[in-house]
Protein backbone atom coordinates (compact mmCIF):
# COMPACT_ATOMS: atom_id res chain seq x y z
CA MET A 1 15.31 46.85 18.85
CA LYS A 2 12.21 46.35 17.10
CA LYS A 3 13.96 46.34 13.59
CA VAL A 4 16.37 43.67 14.71
CA PHE A 5 13.49 41.51 16.11
CA LEU A 6 11.52 41.75 12.63
CA THR A 7 14.10 41.11 10.71
CA LEU A 8 15.08 37.77 12.58
CA ILE A 9 11.05 37.08 11.85
CA VAL A 10 11.79 37.70 8.01
CA LEU A 11 15.04 35.24 8.15
CA MET A 12 13.30 32.71 10.15
CA SER A 13 10.24 32.95 7.81
CA CYS A 14 12.70 32.56 5.22
CA ALA A 15 14.41 29.26 6.08
CA ALA A 16 10.88 27.73 7.34
CA LEU A 17 10.01 28.28 3.23
CA THR A 18 13.03 27.16 2.34
CA PHE A 19 12.85 24.14 4.14
CA ALA A 20 9.36 23.13 3.24
CA GLN A 21 10.24 23.16 -0.26
CA ASP A 22 13.21 21.29 -0.01
CA LYS A 23 10.76 18.61 1.29
CA ILE A 24 8.19 18.62 -1.38
CA LEU A 25 8.93 15.30 -3.32
CA SER A 26 8.94 14.44 -6.83
CA ALA A 27 8.94 11.30 -8.72
CA THR A 28 8.85 10.22 -12.47
CA ALA A 29 7.73 6.81 -13.94
CA VAL A 30 9.42 6.11 -17.25
CA ILE A 31 6.96 3.97 -19.53
CA LYS A 32 7.45 1.88 -21.94
CA GLY A 33 5.30 -1.06 -23.56
CA THR A 34 5.23 -4.37 -21.91
CA ALA A 35 5.44 -6.54 -25.54
CA PRO A 36 8.80 -6.63 -26.81
CA ASP A 37 8.10 -4.91 -29.61
CA SER A 38 6.08 -2.68 -28.42
CA THR A 39 6.55 1.13 -29.08
CA ILE A 40 4.49 2.45 -26.90
CA THR A 41 6.93 5.43 -24.64
CA GLY A 42 5.99 8.55 -21.93
CA THR A 43 6.53 9.65 -18.70
CA VAL A 44 4.57 10.38 -15.63
CA LYS A 45 5.83 13.11 -13.74
CA LEU A 46 4.42 12.81 -9.86
CA THR A 47 4.33 15.62 -7.80
CA GLU A 48 3.34 16.14 -3.79
CA SER A 49 1.25 18.86 -3.04
CA GLY A 50 -0.87 20.32 -0.36
CA ASP A 51 -4.19 18.65 -1.94
CA GLY A 52 -2.51 15.28 -2.36
CA LEU A 53 -0.88 13.60 -5.00
CA VAL A 54 -0.65 15.42 -8.81
CA VAL A 55 0.06 13.00 -11.54
CA GLU A 56 0.79 14.20 -15.02
CA ALA A 57 1.72 11.52 -17.65
CA ASN A 58 2.98 12.08 -21.47
CA LEU A 59 2.36 8.66 -23.69
CA GLN A 60 2.91 8.40 -27.47
CA ASN A 61 2.30 5.33 -29.72
CA VAL A 62 0.21 4.11 -27.95
CA PRO A 63 -2.32 1.97 -30.48
CA ASN A 64 -5.62 2.36 -30.10
CA PRO A 65 -7.69 5.48 -29.73
CA GLY A 66 -10.28 6.06 -26.85
CA PRO A 67 -9.90 5.71 -23.01
CA HIS A 68 -7.64 3.30 -21.39
CA GLY A 69 -7.26 2.21 -17.90
CA PHE A 70 -4.46 3.70 -16.22
CA HIS A 71 -3.74 2.34 -11.86
CA ILE A 72 -0.95 2.85 -9.79
CA HIS A 73 -0.45 -0.68 -9.34
CA GLU A 74 0.47 -2.35 -5.89
CA ASN A 75 3.77 -3.78 -6.78
CA GLY A 76 6.88 -1.91 -8.62
CA SER A 77 7.40 -4.72 -11.37
CA CYS A 78 7.11 -4.57 -15.01
CA ALA A 79 7.77 -8.37 -15.31
CA ASP A 80 5.83 -10.84 -17.11
CA MET A 81 4.35 -8.38 -19.59
CA GLY A 82 3.27 -6.36 -16.27
CA LYS A 83 1.93 -8.49 -14.65
CA GLY A 84 4.73 -8.33 -12.02
CA ALA A 85 3.16 -5.44 -10.98
CA GLY A 86 0.49 -7.30 -9.04
CA GLY A 87 -3.38 -5.72 -8.24
CA HIS A 88 -4.45 -2.45 -8.14
CA PHE A 89 -3.23 -0.60 -5.03
CA ASN A 90 -5.56 -1.04 -2.71
CA PRO A 91 -4.27 -0.90 1.02
CA ASP A 92 -7.39 -0.26 2.48
CA LYS A 93 -9.35 -3.31 0.41
CA VAL A 94 -12.12 -1.12 -0.56
CA LYS A 95 -13.99 -1.70 -4.28
CA HIS A 96 -12.58 -0.15 -7.24
CA GLY A 97 -14.18 3.67 -8.23
CA MET A 98 -12.00 6.26 -9.09
CA ILE A 99 -10.47 8.37 -6.47
CA MET A 100 -10.61 11.85 -7.37
CA ASN A 101 -14.26 11.36 -7.27
CA ASP A 102 -15.14 9.17 -4.82
CA GLY A 103 -12.19 9.42 -2.24
CA PRO A 104 -10.08 6.79 -1.13
CA GLU A 105 -12.70 5.53 1.51
CA HIS A 106 -14.46 4.02 -1.68
CA ALA A 107 -11.62 3.75 -4.53
CA HIS A 108 -8.77 2.25 -4.64
CA ALA A 109 -6.00 4.42 -3.94
CA GLY A 110 -3.84 4.18 -7.78
CA ASP A 111 -7.56 4.15 -8.88
CA MET A 112 -7.33 7.06 -11.92
CA GLY A 113 -9.59 5.95 -14.03
CA ASN A 114 -9.04 6.50 -17.76
CA ILE A 115 -6.20 8.56 -20.03
CA VAL A 116 -7.83 8.90 -23.24
CA VAL A 117 -5.55 8.28 -26.52
CA ASP A 118 -5.97 10.86 -29.52
CA ALA A 119 -5.79 9.01 -33.32
CA SER A 120 -1.92 10.15 -33.70
CA GLY A 121 -1.69 7.52 -30.45
CA THR A 122 -0.64 10.04 -28.26
CA ALA A 123 -2.45 10.73 -24.53
CA LYS A 124 -2.27 13.27 -21.67
CA LEU A 125 -3.44 13.19 -18.27
CA LYS A 126 -3.52 15.62 -14.53
CA VAL A 127 -4.95 14.55 -11.80
CA ILE A 128 -4.85 14.83 -8.04
CA LEU A 129 -4.56 12.11 -6.10
CA PRO A 130 -5.87 12.75 -2.47
CA ASP A 131 -4.10 11.10 0.58
CA VAL A 132 -1.82 9.59 -1.57
CA GLY A 133 2.10 11.33 -1.46
CA LEU A 134 5.89 9.82 -2.52
CA ALA A 135 6.76 9.93 1.11
CA ASN A 136 5.14 10.55 5.10
CA TRP A 137 0.89 10.85 3.38
CA HIS A 138 -0.89 8.18 4.37
CA TYR A 139 -0.79 6.05 0.75
CA ASN A 140 2.82 6.22 -0.14
CA VAL A 141 3.05 5.02 -4.10
CA ALA A 142 6.99 5.50 -4.51
CA GLY A 143 8.79 2.69 -6.04
CA LEU A 144 5.31 0.91 -6.91
CA ALA A 145 4.51 0.55 -10.57
CA ILE A 146 1.98 2.17 -13.38
CA ILE A 147 0.07 0.16 -15.50
CA LEU A 148 -1.91 1.33 -18.77
CA HIS A 149 -4.11 -0.91 -19.73
CA GLU A 150 -5.44 -2.13 -23.03
CA LYS A 151 -8.83 -1.26 -22.64
CA ALA A 152 -10.76 1.42 -20.95
CA ASP A 153 -11.75 0.94 -16.77
CA ASP A 154 -16.01 0.49 -16.46
CA PHE A 155 -15.25 1.05 -13.08
CA GLY A 156 -16.94 -2.37 -12.88
CA GLN A 157 -15.80 -4.40 -9.92
CA PRO A 158 -13.53 -5.87 -9.04
CA VAL A 159 -11.00 -4.16 -10.87
CA GLY A 160 -12.81 -2.44 -14.15
CA ASN A 161 -12.27 -5.05 -16.63
CA ALA A 162 -9.68 -2.99 -18.35
CA GLY A 163 -7.68 -5.77 -19.75
CA GLY A 164 -4.34 -6.86 -19.93
CA ARG A 165 -1.63 -4.63 -19.79
CA ILE A 166 0.16 -2.71 -22.76
CA ALA A 167 2.68 -0.57 -20.70
CA CYS A 168 4.53 -0.14 -17.21
CA GLY A 169 6.67 2.12 -15.32
CA ILE A 170 8.34 2.51 -11.91
CA ILE A 171 7.81 5.59 -9.84
CA GLU A 172 11.47 6.71 -8.82
CA VAL A 173 11.79 9.58 -6.21
CA LYS A 174 13.82 12.45 -6.87
CA LYS A 175 16.20 13.68 -3.94
């Protein structure tokens, strides 16, 4: 009887783990330049974790080496050279900052700060956004846009003075 009970517990644990793994969502945003002649390309992979949303960006052909503002915006549109994305994703109407350092109480939920472009035009970033996810989280970003700005985010108010929108991609959830 003990063996049957133990076997049943093991099977139920495996089923629960499989169910939990099936619930982990991931998404991708394909980044393209906003200007018709832009060669900026890249991908951003987003994966839910127990700590929040893991964001891994890989961009190529970005002009002007150095830091560039990199944010999730409030709309899921890259129209009008990225202006269709609207403002930063800021559902709580808080000040601009860096959510990884300041938390969602003191920074826009979409504020990832800067991504640094090297001399070859390549940029990589990996961050975890607390309380942010793709579904069933306090801050859901599925379907929203990710914007690469032309200049560094200086964390000034209200949106960091990062200038124009040079690349954009929509966050598309994978089932």
